[in-house]
Amino acid sequence: MRPWLALRYLNIDFEEVRIPLFTPGYKEKLRAYSSAGLVPIYRKGDITIWDSLAILEHLAERHPQLWPKEPNARATARAVSAEMHAGFQSLRTHLPLNCRARGRHIPFTENVNKDICRITEIWEQCRNLHRFKGPWLFGRFSIADTMYAPVASRFVTYSVATGDTVQEYIDALMKDANVARWMAEAAAEEETIDAYENIGKP
């Protein structure tokens, strides 16, 4: 989702190859594009990149508008993006990204609640500093927003309670045309991943 959003934001044409994970033969299909067998995979010419943040940094080298222009804001944007990329494992595990599971109610563990508190703290701090520059974490759309878009989707799916500042940011993401398109296409996928589909069901 993250590199996809950045490419759409930059109006860069690309060919998307969708490989349903956890289906028969998916590992072999992934390794046909990258020996790492990881997603997402970005290929252009003779370069192959198999990590979302690395892809975004590669794009930002050619399109610096993907990071905030002001140095302090850019440093903070990089820090919160890296924190998202490397952390919040409890939230990722217990609240998986599932566009077809909206309305599910599951008990949040202590560690999930800690992740939620830290994420909302980041969003509130960024929005309070940059709210008059635009609707995004640093005013205008940046890599930081691509990094947290999947988390905002989880907040919606699992009805995570938030304050006004955080909810405004989530609403802005969910109403964004590119985010809405990705969510709609994901929800229309026909494959079923049992481990995800059954979370939150009675």
N, C-alpha and C. Protein backbone atom coordinates (compact mmCIF):
# COMPACT_ATOMS: atom_id res chain seq x y z
N MET A 1 0.82 -1.21 0.00
CA MET A 1 0.00 0.00 0.00
C MET A 1 0.86 1.26 0.00
N ARG A 2 1.95 1.26 0.77
CA ARG A 2 2.72 2.49 0.97
C ARG A 2 3.39 2.98 -0.31
N PRO A 3 4.22 2.16 -0.98
CA PRO A 3 4.80 2.63 -2.24
C PRO A 3 3.73 2.90 -3.31
N TRP A 4 2.68 2.11 -3.30
CA TRP A 4 1.57 2.31 -4.25
C TRP A 4 1.01 3.73 -4.10
N LEU A 5 0.78 4.16 -2.87
CA LEU A 5 0.25 5.49 -2.64
C LEU A 5 1.21 6.57 -3.09
N ALA A 6 2.50 6.37 -2.81
CA ALA A 6 3.49 7.36 -3.22
C ALA A 6 3.55 7.49 -4.74
N LEU A 7 3.53 6.38 -5.44
CA LEU A 7 3.56 6.41 -6.90
C LEU A 7 2.32 7.10 -7.46
N ARG A 8 1.17 6.85 -6.86
CA ARG A 8 -0.06 7.51 -7.30
C ARG A 8 0.01 9.01 -7.03
N TYR A 9 0.53 9.37 -5.86
CA TYR A 9 0.66 10.79 -5.52
C TYR A 9 1.57 11.50 -6.51
N LEU A 10 2.61 10.82 -6.96
CA LEU A 10 3.55 11.42 -7.91
C LEU A 10 3.07 11.33 -9.35
N ASN A 11 1.93 10.70 -9.58
CA ASN A 11 1.39 10.51 -10.93
C ASN A 11 2.37 9.76 -11.83
N ILE A 12 3.02 8.76 -11.26
CA ILE A 12 3.95 7.92 -12.01
C ILE A 12 3.20 6.67 -12.48
N ASP A 13 3.21 6.44 -13.77
CA ASP A 13 2.59 5.23 -14.31
C ASP A 13 3.42 4.01 -13.94
N PHE A 14 2.75 2.94 -13.54
CA PHE A 14 3.46 1.72 -13.21
C PHE A 14 2.54 0.53 -13.45
N GLU A 15 3.16 -0.61 -13.64
CA GLU A 15 2.42 -1.86 -13.79
C GLU A 15 2.37 -2.56 -12.44
N GLU A 16 1.19 -2.89 -12.00
CA GLU A 16 1.02 -3.56 -10.72
C GLU A 16 0.82 -5.05 -10.94
N VAL A 17 1.61 -5.85 -10.25
CA VAL A 17 1.46 -7.31 -10.27
C VAL A 17 1.03 -7.74 -8.88
N ARG A 18 -0.16 -8.29 -8.77
CA ARG A 18 -0.70 -8.68 -7.47
C ARG A 18 -0.50 -10.18 -7.27
N ILE A 19 0.19 -10.54 -6.19
CA ILE A 19 0.41 -11.94 -5.85
C ILE A 19 -0.25 -12.20 -4.50
N PRO A 20 -1.36 -12.90 -4.46
CA PRO A 20 -2.04 -13.17 -3.19
C PRO A 20 -1.15 -13.98 -2.25
N LEU A 21 -0.90 -13.44 -1.09
CA LEU A 21 -0.04 -14.12 -0.12
C LEU A 21 -0.75 -15.31 0.52
N PHE A 22 0.04 -16.25 1.00
CA PHE A 22 -0.45 -17.41 1.73
C PHE A 22 -1.40 -18.28 0.89
N THR A 23 -1.22 -18.22 -0.41
CA THR A 23 -1.95 -19.10 -1.32
C THR A 23 -0.93 -20.04 -1.97
N PRO A 24 -1.38 -21.17 -2.51
CA PRO A 24 -0.43 -22.15 -3.06
C PRO A 24 0.53 -21.53 -4.08
N GLY A 25 1.82 -21.76 -3.86
CA GLY A 25 2.84 -21.31 -4.80
C GLY A 25 3.23 -19.85 -4.71
N TYR A 26 2.72 -19.13 -3.69
CA TYR A 26 2.99 -17.69 -3.67
C TYR A 26 4.46 -17.37 -3.44
N LYS A 27 5.17 -18.19 -2.66
CA LYS A 27 6.58 -17.91 -2.39
C LYS A 27 7.41 -18.01 -3.68
N GLU A 28 7.13 -19.00 -4.48
CA GLU A 28 7.85 -19.16 -5.73
C GLU A 28 7.56 -17.99 -6.67
N LYS A 29 6.32 -17.52 -6.67
CA LYS A 29 5.98 -16.38 -7.52
C LYS A 29 6.71 -15.12 -7.07
N LEU A 30 6.81 -14.93 -5.75
CA LEU A 30 7.53 -13.76 -5.24
C LEU A 30 9.01 -13.82 -5.62
N ARG A 31 9.60 -15.00 -5.50
CA ARG A 31 11.04 -15.13 -5.78
C ARG A 31 11.34 -14.98 -7.27
N ALA A 32 10.34 -15.07 -8.10
CA ALA A 32 10.54 -14.80 -9.52
C ALA A 32 10.83 -13.31 -9.74
N TYR A 33 10.41 -12.47 -8.79
CA TYR A 33 10.66 -11.04 -8.89
C TYR A 33 11.79 -10.58 -7.98
N SER A 34 11.98 -11.25 -6.85
CA SER A 34 13.05 -10.90 -5.91
C SER A 34 13.47 -12.13 -5.13
N SER A 35 14.77 -12.36 -5.04
CA SER A 35 15.26 -13.54 -4.33
C SER A 35 14.96 -13.47 -2.83
N ALA A 36 14.67 -12.26 -2.31
CA ALA A 36 14.35 -12.12 -0.89
C ALA A 36 13.00 -12.74 -0.56
N GLY A 37 12.12 -12.80 -1.53
CA GLY A 37 10.79 -13.36 -1.30
C GLY A 37 9.92 -12.50 -0.41
N LEU A 38 10.19 -11.20 -0.38
CA LEU A 38 9.45 -10.26 0.46
C LEU A 38 8.66 -9.28 -0.38
N VAL A 39 7.61 -8.71 0.21
CA VAL A 39 6.82 -7.69 -0.48
C VAL A 39 6.81 -6.42 0.37
N PRO A 40 6.59 -5.27 -0.27
CA PRO A 40 6.40 -5.07 -1.71
C PRO A 40 7.72 -5.17 -2.47
N ILE A 41 7.61 -5.33 -3.76
CA ILE A 41 8.79 -5.38 -4.64
C ILE A 41 8.64 -4.29 -5.69
N TYR A 42 9.68 -3.50 -5.84
CA TYR A 42 9.69 -2.43 -6.84
C TYR A 42 10.81 -2.74 -7.83
N ARG A 43 10.46 -2.79 -9.11
CA ARG A 43 11.46 -3.06 -10.14
C ARG A 43 11.39 -1.97 -11.20
N LYS A 44 12.57 -1.45 -11.52
CA LYS A 44 12.67 -0.46 -12.59
C LYS A 44 14.04 -0.62 -13.22
N GLY A 45 14.05 -0.96 -14.51
CA GLY A 45 15.33 -1.19 -15.17
C GLY A 45 16.06 -2.35 -14.51
N ASP A 46 17.29 -2.09 -14.10
CA ASP A 46 18.08 -3.15 -13.48
C ASP A 46 18.09 -3.10 -11.97
N ILE A 47 17.19 -2.31 -11.36
CA ILE A 47 17.13 -2.22 -9.91
C ILE A 47 15.90 -2.94 -9.37
N THR A 48 16.08 -3.68 -8.28
CA THR A 48 14.99 -4.33 -7.58
C THR A 48 15.09 -3.97 -6.10
N ILE A 49 13.99 -3.46 -5.53
CA ILE A 49 13.96 -3.07 -4.12
C ILE A 49 12.78 -3.80 -3.48
N TRP A 50 13.02 -4.44 -2.33
CA TRP A 50 12.01 -5.30 -1.71
C TRP A 50 11.65 -4.88 -0.30
N ASP A 51 11.68 -3.61 -0.02
CA ASP A 51 11.33 -3.09 1.30
C ASP A 51 10.60 -1.77 1.09
N SER A 52 9.47 -1.58 1.78
CA SER A 52 8.63 -0.41 1.51
C SER A 52 9.35 0.90 1.78
N LEU A 53 10.02 1.03 2.93
CA LEU A 53 10.68 2.29 3.23
C LEU A 53 11.86 2.54 2.29
N ALA A 54 12.57 1.49 1.91
CA ALA A 54 13.66 1.64 0.95
C ALA A 54 13.13 2.10 -0.41
N ILE A 55 11.98 1.57 -0.82
CA ILE A 55 11.36 2.01 -2.07
C ILE A 55 11.00 3.49 -1.98
N LEU A 56 10.41 3.89 -0.86
CA LEU A 56 10.00 5.28 -0.69
C LEU A 56 11.20 6.21 -0.67
N GLU A 57 12.28 5.82 -0.01
CA GLU A 57 13.49 6.64 0.00
C GLU A 57 14.07 6.75 -1.42
N HIS A 58 14.04 5.66 -2.15
CA HIS A 58 14.52 5.67 -3.54
C HIS A 58 13.69 6.66 -4.37
N LEU A 59 12.39 6.63 -4.21
CA LEU A 59 11.53 7.57 -4.94
C LEU A 59 11.81 9.01 -4.51
N ALA A 60 12.06 9.22 -3.21
CA ALA A 60 12.29 10.56 -2.71
C ALA A 60 13.60 11.15 -3.22
N GLU A 61 14.57 10.31 -3.55
CA GLU A 61 15.81 10.82 -4.12
C GLU A 61 15.55 11.53 -5.45
N ARG A 62 14.55 11.07 -6.17
CA ARG A 62 14.19 11.66 -7.46
C ARG A 62 13.02 12.63 -7.35
N HIS A 63 12.26 12.51 -6.27
CA HIS A 63 11.08 13.36 -6.05
C HIS A 63 11.11 13.85 -4.60
N PRO A 64 11.94 14.84 -4.31
CA PRO A 64 12.14 15.26 -2.92
C PRO A 64 10.90 15.79 -2.24
N GLN A 65 9.85 16.09 -3.01
CA GLN A 65 8.60 16.57 -2.39
C GLN A 65 7.93 15.50 -1.54
N LEU A 66 8.43 14.27 -1.60
CA LEU A 66 7.87 13.22 -0.75
C LEU A 66 8.24 13.40 0.72
N TRP A 67 9.24 14.22 1.01
CA TRP A 67 9.56 14.58 2.39
C TRP A 67 9.27 16.05 2.62
N PRO A 68 8.99 16.46 3.85
CA PRO A 68 8.80 17.90 4.12
C PRO A 68 10.04 18.69 3.71
N LYS A 69 9.83 19.90 3.26
CA LYS A 69 10.94 20.73 2.80
C LYS A 69 11.79 21.25 3.94
N GLU A 70 11.15 21.63 5.05
CA GLU A 70 11.87 22.22 6.18
C GLU A 70 12.69 21.15 6.88
N PRO A 71 13.99 21.40 7.16
CA PRO A 71 14.88 20.34 7.68
C PRO A 71 14.41 19.69 8.97
N ASN A 72 13.93 20.47 9.93
CA ASN A 72 13.49 19.87 11.20
C ASN A 72 12.27 18.98 11.01
N ALA A 73 11.33 19.47 10.20
CA ALA A 73 10.14 18.66 9.91
C ALA A 73 10.52 17.40 9.14
N ARG A 74 11.47 17.54 8.22
CA ARG A 74 11.90 16.37 7.44
C ARG A 74 12.55 15.33 8.34
N ALA A 75 13.36 15.78 9.30
CA ALA A 75 14.00 14.85 10.23
C ALA A 75 12.96 14.13 11.08
N THR A 76 11.96 14.87 11.55
CA THR A 76 10.90 14.25 12.34
C THR A 76 10.09 13.28 11.50
N ALA A 77 9.80 13.65 10.27
CA ALA A 77 9.04 12.76 9.38
C ALA A 77 9.79 11.46 9.15
N ARG A 78 11.10 11.56 8.99
CA ARG A 78 11.90 10.34 8.81
C ARG A 78 11.86 9.49 10.07
N ALA A 79 11.94 10.14 11.23
CA ALA A 79 11.95 9.40 12.50
C ALA A 79 10.64 8.67 12.73
N VAL A 80 9.51 9.35 12.53
CA VAL A 80 8.22 8.69 12.79
C VAL A 80 7.94 7.62 11.74
N SER A 81 8.46 7.81 10.52
CA SER A 81 8.30 6.77 9.49
C SER A 81 9.11 5.54 9.83
N ALA A 82 10.34 5.75 10.29
CA ALA A 82 11.18 4.63 10.69
C ALA A 82 10.60 3.91 11.91
N GLU A 83 10.02 4.68 12.84
CA GLU A 83 9.40 4.05 14.02
C GLU A 83 8.24 3.16 13.60
N MET A 84 7.46 3.62 12.64
CA MET A 84 6.36 2.80 12.14
C MET A 84 6.88 1.56 11.44
N HIS A 85 7.91 1.74 10.65
CA HIS A 85 8.45 0.65 9.84
C HIS A 85 9.01 -0.47 10.73
N ALA A 86 9.62 -0.10 11.85
CA ALA A 86 10.31 -1.08 12.67
C ALA A 86 9.51 -1.55 13.88
N GLY A 87 8.43 -0.86 14.22
CA GLY A 87 7.77 -1.13 15.49
C GLY A 87 6.31 -1.53 15.38
N PHE A 88 5.64 -1.41 16.52
CA PHE A 88 4.20 -1.65 16.63
C PHE A 88 3.81 -3.08 16.23
N GLN A 89 4.62 -4.03 16.69
CA GLN A 89 4.39 -5.43 16.31
C GLN A 89 3.10 -5.99 16.90
N SER A 90 2.73 -5.56 18.09
CA SER A 90 1.50 -6.07 18.69
C SER A 90 0.29 -5.64 17.88
N LEU A 91 0.26 -4.38 17.46
CA LEU A 91 -0.85 -3.90 16.65
C LEU A 91 -0.90 -4.63 15.31
N ARG A 92 0.26 -4.82 14.70
CA ARG A 92 0.31 -5.51 13.41
C ARG A 92 -0.22 -6.95 13.54
N THR A 93 0.13 -7.60 14.64
CA THR A 93 -0.24 -9.00 14.83
C THR A 93 -1.72 -9.17 15.16
N HIS A 94 -2.20 -8.38 16.10
CA HIS A 94 -3.56 -8.58 16.61
C HIS A 94 -4.62 -7.81 15.84
N LEU A 95 -4.23 -6.76 15.12
CA LEU A 95 -5.16 -6.00 14.30
C LEU A 95 -4.66 -6.00 12.86
N PRO A 96 -4.72 -7.13 12.18
CA PRO A 96 -4.18 -7.21 10.82
C PRO A 96 -4.99 -6.34 9.85
N LEU A 97 -4.31 -5.87 8.83
CA LEU A 97 -4.96 -5.07 7.81
C LEU A 97 -5.92 -5.96 7.03
N ASN A 98 -7.21 -5.65 7.12
CA ASN A 98 -8.24 -6.45 6.46
C ASN A 98 -9.39 -5.51 6.10
N CYS A 99 -9.46 -5.15 4.84
CA CYS A 99 -10.47 -4.18 4.39
C CYS A 99 -11.88 -4.75 4.40
N ARG A 100 -12.00 -6.07 4.57
CA ARG A 100 -13.33 -6.69 4.57
C ARG A 100 -13.83 -6.99 5.97
N ALA A 101 -13.10 -6.52 6.98
CA ALA A 101 -13.45 -6.88 8.36
C ALA A 101 -14.01 -5.71 9.15
N ARG A 102 -14.45 -4.67 8.48
CA ARG A 102 -14.93 -3.49 9.18
C ARG A 102 -16.09 -3.84 10.13
N GLY A 103 -16.00 -3.32 11.34
CA GLY A 103 -17.01 -3.59 12.34
C GLY A 103 -16.66 -4.71 13.29
N ARG A 104 -15.51 -5.36 13.05
CA ARG A 104 -15.09 -6.42 13.96
C ARG A 104 -14.72 -5.81 15.31
N HIS A 105 -15.04 -6.50 16.37
CA HIS A 105 -14.68 -6.06 17.72
C HIS A 105 -13.89 -7.16 18.39
N ILE A 106 -12.65 -6.85 18.73
CA ILE A 106 -11.79 -7.81 19.40
C ILE A 106 -11.22 -7.16 20.65
N PRO A 107 -10.92 -7.94 21.68
CA PRO A 107 -10.31 -7.37 22.89
C PRO A 107 -8.87 -6.96 22.60
N PHE A 108 -8.52 -5.75 23.00
CA PHE A 108 -7.16 -5.26 22.79
C PHE A 108 -6.28 -5.66 23.96
N THR A 109 -5.13 -6.24 23.68
CA THR A 109 -4.18 -6.58 24.73
C THR A 109 -3.52 -5.31 25.26
N GLU A 110 -2.82 -5.46 26.36
CA GLU A 110 -2.10 -4.32 26.93
C GLU A 110 -1.09 -3.76 25.94
N ASN A 111 -0.40 -4.64 25.24
CA ASN A 111 0.61 -4.18 24.28
C ASN A 111 -0.02 -3.51 23.07
N VAL A 112 -1.19 -3.99 22.64
CA VAL A 112 -1.89 -3.32 21.56
C VAL A 112 -2.29 -1.91 21.99
N ASN A 113 -2.80 -1.78 23.19
CA ASN A 113 -3.17 -0.45 23.69
C ASN A 113 -1.96 0.48 23.79
N LYS A 114 -0.81 -0.07 24.15
CA LYS A 114 0.41 0.74 24.19
C LYS A 114 0.77 1.24 22.79
N ASP A 115 0.65 0.35 21.80
CA ASP A 115 0.92 0.76 20.41
C ASP A 115 -0.05 1.84 19.97
N ILE A 116 -1.32 1.66 20.28
CA ILE A 116 -2.33 2.66 19.90
C ILE A 116 -2.03 4.01 20.54
N CYS A 117 -1.66 4.00 21.81
CA CYS A 117 -1.35 5.26 22.51
C CYS A 117 -0.16 5.96 21.88
N ARG A 118 0.86 5.20 21.51
CA ARG A 118 2.04 5.82 20.90
C ARG A 118 1.72 6.36 19.52
N ILE A 119 0.96 5.64 18.73
CA ILE A 119 0.59 6.11 17.39
C ILE A 119 -0.24 7.38 17.48
N THR A 120 -1.23 7.39 18.35
CA THR A 120 -2.06 8.59 18.47
C THR A 120 -1.24 9.77 18.99
N GLU A 121 -0.26 9.50 19.84
CA GLU A 121 0.63 10.56 20.32
C GLU A 121 1.40 11.18 19.16
N ILE A 122 1.94 10.33 18.28
CA ILE A 122 2.66 10.82 17.11
C ILE A 122 1.75 11.66 16.24
N TRP A 123 0.57 11.16 15.94
CA TRP A 123 -0.35 11.89 15.08
C TRP A 123 -0.74 13.23 15.69
N GLU A 124 -1.05 13.25 16.97
CA GLU A 124 -1.44 14.50 17.62
C GLU A 124 -0.31 15.51 17.60
N GLN A 125 0.90 15.07 17.91
CA GLN A 125 2.03 15.99 17.93
C GLN A 125 2.30 16.57 16.55
N CYS A 126 2.29 15.73 15.53
CA CYS A 126 2.54 16.21 14.17
C CYS A 126 1.44 17.14 13.69
N ARG A 127 0.19 16.75 13.91
CA ARG A 127 -0.92 17.57 13.44
C ARG A 127 -1.00 18.91 14.19
N ASN A 128 -0.72 18.90 15.48
CA ASN A 128 -0.77 20.16 16.23
C ASN A 128 0.28 21.14 15.76
N LEU A 129 1.41 20.65 15.27
CA LEU A 129 2.47 21.52 14.77
C LEU A 129 2.21 22.00 13.34
N HIS A 130 1.50 21.20 12.55
CA HIS A 130 1.42 21.48 11.11
C HIS A 130 -0.01 21.59 10.59
N ARG A 131 -1.00 21.66 11.46
CA ARG A 131 -2.39 21.62 11.04
C ARG A 131 -2.79 22.78 10.13
N PHE A 132 -2.10 23.93 10.24
CA PHE A 132 -2.48 25.08 9.43
C PHE A 132 -1.83 25.06 8.05
N LYS A 133 -1.01 24.04 7.79
CA LYS A 133 -0.35 23.92 6.49
C LYS A 133 -1.08 22.96 5.56
N GLY A 134 -2.02 22.20 6.11
CA GLY A 134 -2.74 21.20 5.32
C GLY A 134 -3.21 20.07 6.21
N PRO A 135 -3.91 19.08 5.64
CA PRO A 135 -4.54 18.03 6.45
C PRO A 135 -3.64 16.89 6.86
N TRP A 136 -2.40 16.87 6.37
CA TRP A 136 -1.55 15.71 6.58
C TRP A 136 -0.64 15.90 7.79
N LEU A 137 0.12 14.87 8.14
CA LEU A 137 0.95 14.92 9.35
C LEU A 137 1.89 16.11 9.35
N PHE A 138 2.43 16.46 8.19
CA PHE A 138 3.35 17.58 8.09
C PHE A 138 2.81 18.65 7.14
N GLY A 139 1.50 18.77 7.11
CA GLY A 139 0.87 19.77 6.26
C GLY A 139 0.49 19.22 4.91
N ARG A 140 1.49 19.02 4.06
CA ARG A 140 1.22 18.40 2.77
C ARG A 140 1.60 16.93 2.81
N PHE A 141 1.08 16.18 1.86
CA PHE A 141 1.25 14.74 1.83
C PHE A 141 2.72 14.37 1.76
N SER A 142 3.14 13.38 2.54
CA SER A 142 4.54 12.96 2.57
C SER A 142 4.63 11.46 2.78
N ILE A 143 5.85 10.96 2.78
CA ILE A 143 6.09 9.54 3.05
C ILE A 143 5.51 9.13 4.39
N ALA A 144 5.56 10.04 5.36
CA ALA A 144 5.00 9.71 6.68
C ALA A 144 3.54 9.31 6.58
N ASP A 145 2.79 9.96 5.71
CA ASP A 145 1.37 9.62 5.55
C ASP A 145 1.20 8.26 4.88
N THR A 146 2.07 7.93 3.93
CA THR A 146 1.99 6.59 3.33
C THR A 146 2.29 5.53 4.37
N MET A 147 3.22 5.82 5.29
CA MET A 147 3.58 4.84 6.31
C MET A 147 2.45 4.58 7.29
N TYR A 148 1.65 5.60 7.57
CA TYR A 148 0.59 5.43 8.58
C TYR A 148 -0.79 5.18 7.98
N ALA A 149 -0.92 5.23 6.67
CA ALA A 149 -2.23 4.96 6.06
C ALA A 149 -2.75 3.56 6.40
N PRO A 150 -1.93 2.50 6.35
CA PRO A 150 -2.45 1.18 6.74
C PRO A 150 -2.89 1.11 8.20
N VAL A 151 -2.26 1.92 9.05
CA VAL A 151 -2.63 1.94 10.46
C VAL A 151 -3.99 2.62 10.63
N ALA A 152 -4.18 3.72 9.92
CA ALA A 152 -5.48 4.39 9.96
C ALA A 152 -6.59 3.45 9.53
N SER A 153 -6.32 2.63 8.52
CA SER A 153 -7.30 1.64 8.09
C SER A 153 -7.63 0.67 9.21
N ARG A 154 -6.64 0.25 9.96
CA ARG A 154 -6.88 -0.64 11.09
C ARG A 154 -7.74 0.04 12.15
N PHE A 155 -7.48 1.31 12.41
CA PHE A 155 -8.27 2.04 13.40
C PHE A 155 -9.75 2.05 12.99
N VAL A 156 -10.00 2.20 11.69
CA VAL A 156 -11.38 2.19 11.20
C VAL A 156 -11.98 0.80 11.31
N THR A 157 -11.24 -0.21 10.84
CA THR A 157 -11.75 -1.58 10.83
C THR A 157 -12.14 -2.06 12.21
N TYR A 158 -11.27 -1.78 13.20
CA TYR A 158 -11.48 -2.33 14.54
C TYR A 158 -12.03 -1.29 15.52
N SER A 159 -12.57 -0.19 15.00
CA SER A 159 -13.28 0.82 15.81
C SER A 159 -12.44 1.31 16.99
N VAL A 160 -11.20 1.71 16.69
CA VAL A 160 -10.33 2.25 17.72
C VAL A 160 -10.80 3.66 18.07
N ALA A 161 -11.07 3.89 19.34
CA ALA A 161 -11.55 5.21 19.78
C ALA A 161 -10.40 6.21 19.75
N THR A 162 -10.69 7.42 19.27
CA THR A 162 -9.66 8.45 19.17
C THR A 162 -10.25 9.81 19.56
N GLY A 163 -9.36 10.78 19.77
CA GLY A 163 -9.77 12.15 19.99
C GLY A 163 -10.02 12.86 18.67
N ASP A 164 -10.45 14.11 18.75
CA ASP A 164 -10.83 14.85 17.55
C ASP A 164 -9.67 15.03 16.58
N THR A 165 -8.49 15.39 17.09
CA THR A 165 -7.34 15.64 16.21
C THR A 165 -6.97 14.41 15.42
N VAL A 166 -6.92 13.28 16.08
CA VAL A 166 -6.58 12.02 15.42
C VAL A 166 -7.68 11.61 14.45
N GLN A 167 -8.93 11.77 14.85
CA GLN A 167 -10.03 11.37 13.97
C GLN A 167 -10.06 12.21 12.71
N GLU A 168 -9.75 13.49 12.82
CA GLU A 168 -9.68 14.35 11.64
C GLU A 168 -8.63 13.84 10.66
N TYR A 169 -7.50 13.42 11.20
CA TYR A 169 -6.44 12.90 10.33
C TYR A 169 -6.87 11.58 9.68
N ILE A 170 -7.47 10.69 10.45
CA ILE A 170 -7.95 9.43 9.88
C ILE A 170 -8.97 9.71 8.78
N ASP A 171 -9.88 10.63 9.03
CA ASP A 171 -10.91 10.96 8.04
C ASP A 171 -10.27 11.49 6.76
N ALA A 172 -9.24 12.32 6.91
CA ALA A 172 -8.57 12.87 5.73
C ALA A 172 -7.94 11.76 4.90
N LEU A 173 -7.33 10.80 5.57
CA LEU A 173 -6.74 9.68 4.85
C LEU A 173 -7.80 8.84 4.16
N MET A 174 -8.85 8.50 4.87
CA MET A 174 -9.88 7.63 4.30
C MET A 174 -10.64 8.29 3.15
N LYS A 175 -10.67 9.62 3.13
CA LYS A 175 -11.36 10.33 2.06
C LYS A 175 -10.45 10.64 0.88
N ASP A 176 -9.15 10.45 1.06
CA ASP A 176 -8.22 10.70 -0.03
C ASP A 176 -8.52 9.75 -1.19
N ALA A 177 -8.52 10.27 -2.41
CA ALA A 177 -8.92 9.48 -3.57
C ALA A 177 -8.03 8.25 -3.77
N ASN A 178 -6.74 8.40 -3.56
CA ASN A 178 -5.84 7.28 -3.77
C ASN A 178 -6.01 6.22 -2.69
N VAL A 179 -6.15 6.64 -1.44
CA VAL A 179 -6.38 5.69 -0.36
C VAL A 179 -7.70 4.95 -0.58
N ALA A 180 -8.74 5.71 -0.94
CA ALA A 180 -10.05 5.10 -1.17
C ALA A 180 -9.99 4.08 -2.31
N ARG A 181 -9.22 4.39 -3.35
CA ARG A 181 -9.10 3.46 -4.47
C ARG A 181 -8.40 2.19 -4.03
N TRP A 182 -7.29 2.32 -3.28
CA TRP A 182 -6.58 1.13 -2.83
C TRP A 182 -7.47 0.27 -1.94
N MET A 183 -8.20 0.92 -1.03
CA MET A 183 -9.07 0.18 -0.12
C MET A 183 -10.17 -0.55 -0.88
N ALA A 184 -10.75 0.10 -1.87
CA ALA A 184 -11.82 -0.52 -2.65
C ALA A 184 -11.30 -1.72 -3.43
N GLU A 185 -10.12 -1.58 -4.02
CA GLU A 185 -9.56 -2.69 -4.78
C GLU A 185 -9.19 -3.85 -3.86
N ALA A 186 -8.68 -3.53 -2.67
CA ALA A 186 -8.34 -4.58 -1.72
C ALA A 186 -9.58 -5.32 -1.24
N ALA A 187 -10.64 -4.56 -0.97
CA ALA A 187 -11.88 -5.17 -0.49
C ALA A 187 -12.51 -6.07 -1.54
N ALA A 188 -12.22 -5.79 -2.82
CA ALA A 188 -12.81 -6.57 -3.90
C ALA A 188 -12.03 -7.85 -4.22
N GLU A 189 -10.88 -8.03 -3.60
CA GLU A 189 -10.10 -9.24 -3.86
C GLU A 189 -10.90 -10.47 -3.44
N GLU A 190 -10.76 -11.54 -4.19
CA GLU A 190 -11.60 -12.72 -3.98
C GLU A 190 -10.96 -13.76 -3.06
N GLU A 191 -9.64 -13.69 -2.89
CA GLU A 191 -8.97 -14.71 -2.07
C GLU A 191 -9.34 -14.55 -0.60
N THR A 192 -9.36 -15.66 0.11
CA THR A 192 -9.63 -15.66 1.54
C THR A 192 -8.39 -16.15 2.27
N ILE A 193 -7.94 -15.36 3.23
CA ILE A 193 -6.82 -15.75 4.08
C ILE A 193 -7.41 -16.06 5.45
N ASP A 194 -7.52 -17.32 5.78
CA ASP A 194 -8.27 -17.74 6.97
C ASP A 194 -7.77 -17.06 8.23
N ALA A 195 -6.46 -16.93 8.38
CA ALA A 195 -5.92 -16.36 9.61
C ALA A 195 -6.41 -14.93 9.82
N TYR A 196 -6.67 -14.22 8.72
CA TYR A 196 -7.14 -12.84 8.82
C TYR A 196 -8.66 -12.78 8.85
N GLU A 197 -9.30 -13.59 8.03
CA GLU A 197 -10.74 -13.49 7.89
C GLU A 197 -11.46 -13.86 9.18
N ASN A 198 -10.87 -14.72 10.01
CA ASN A 198 -11.56 -15.21 11.20
C ASN A 198 -11.30 -14.37 12.45
N ILE A 199 -10.38 -13.41 12.37
CA ILE A 199 -10.10 -12.58 13.53
C ILE A 199 -11.34 -11.73 13.86
N GLY A 200 -11.75 -11.78 15.10
CA GLY A 200 -12.87 -10.98 15.54
C GLY A 200 -14.23 -11.60 15.33
N LYS A 201 -14.27 -12.76 14.66
CA LYS A 201 -15.56 -13.42 14.46
C LYS A 201 -15.93 -14.21 15.71
N PRO A 202 -17.20 -14.28 16.03
CA PRO A 202 -17.62 -15.04 17.22
C PRO A 202 -17.38 -16.54 17.03
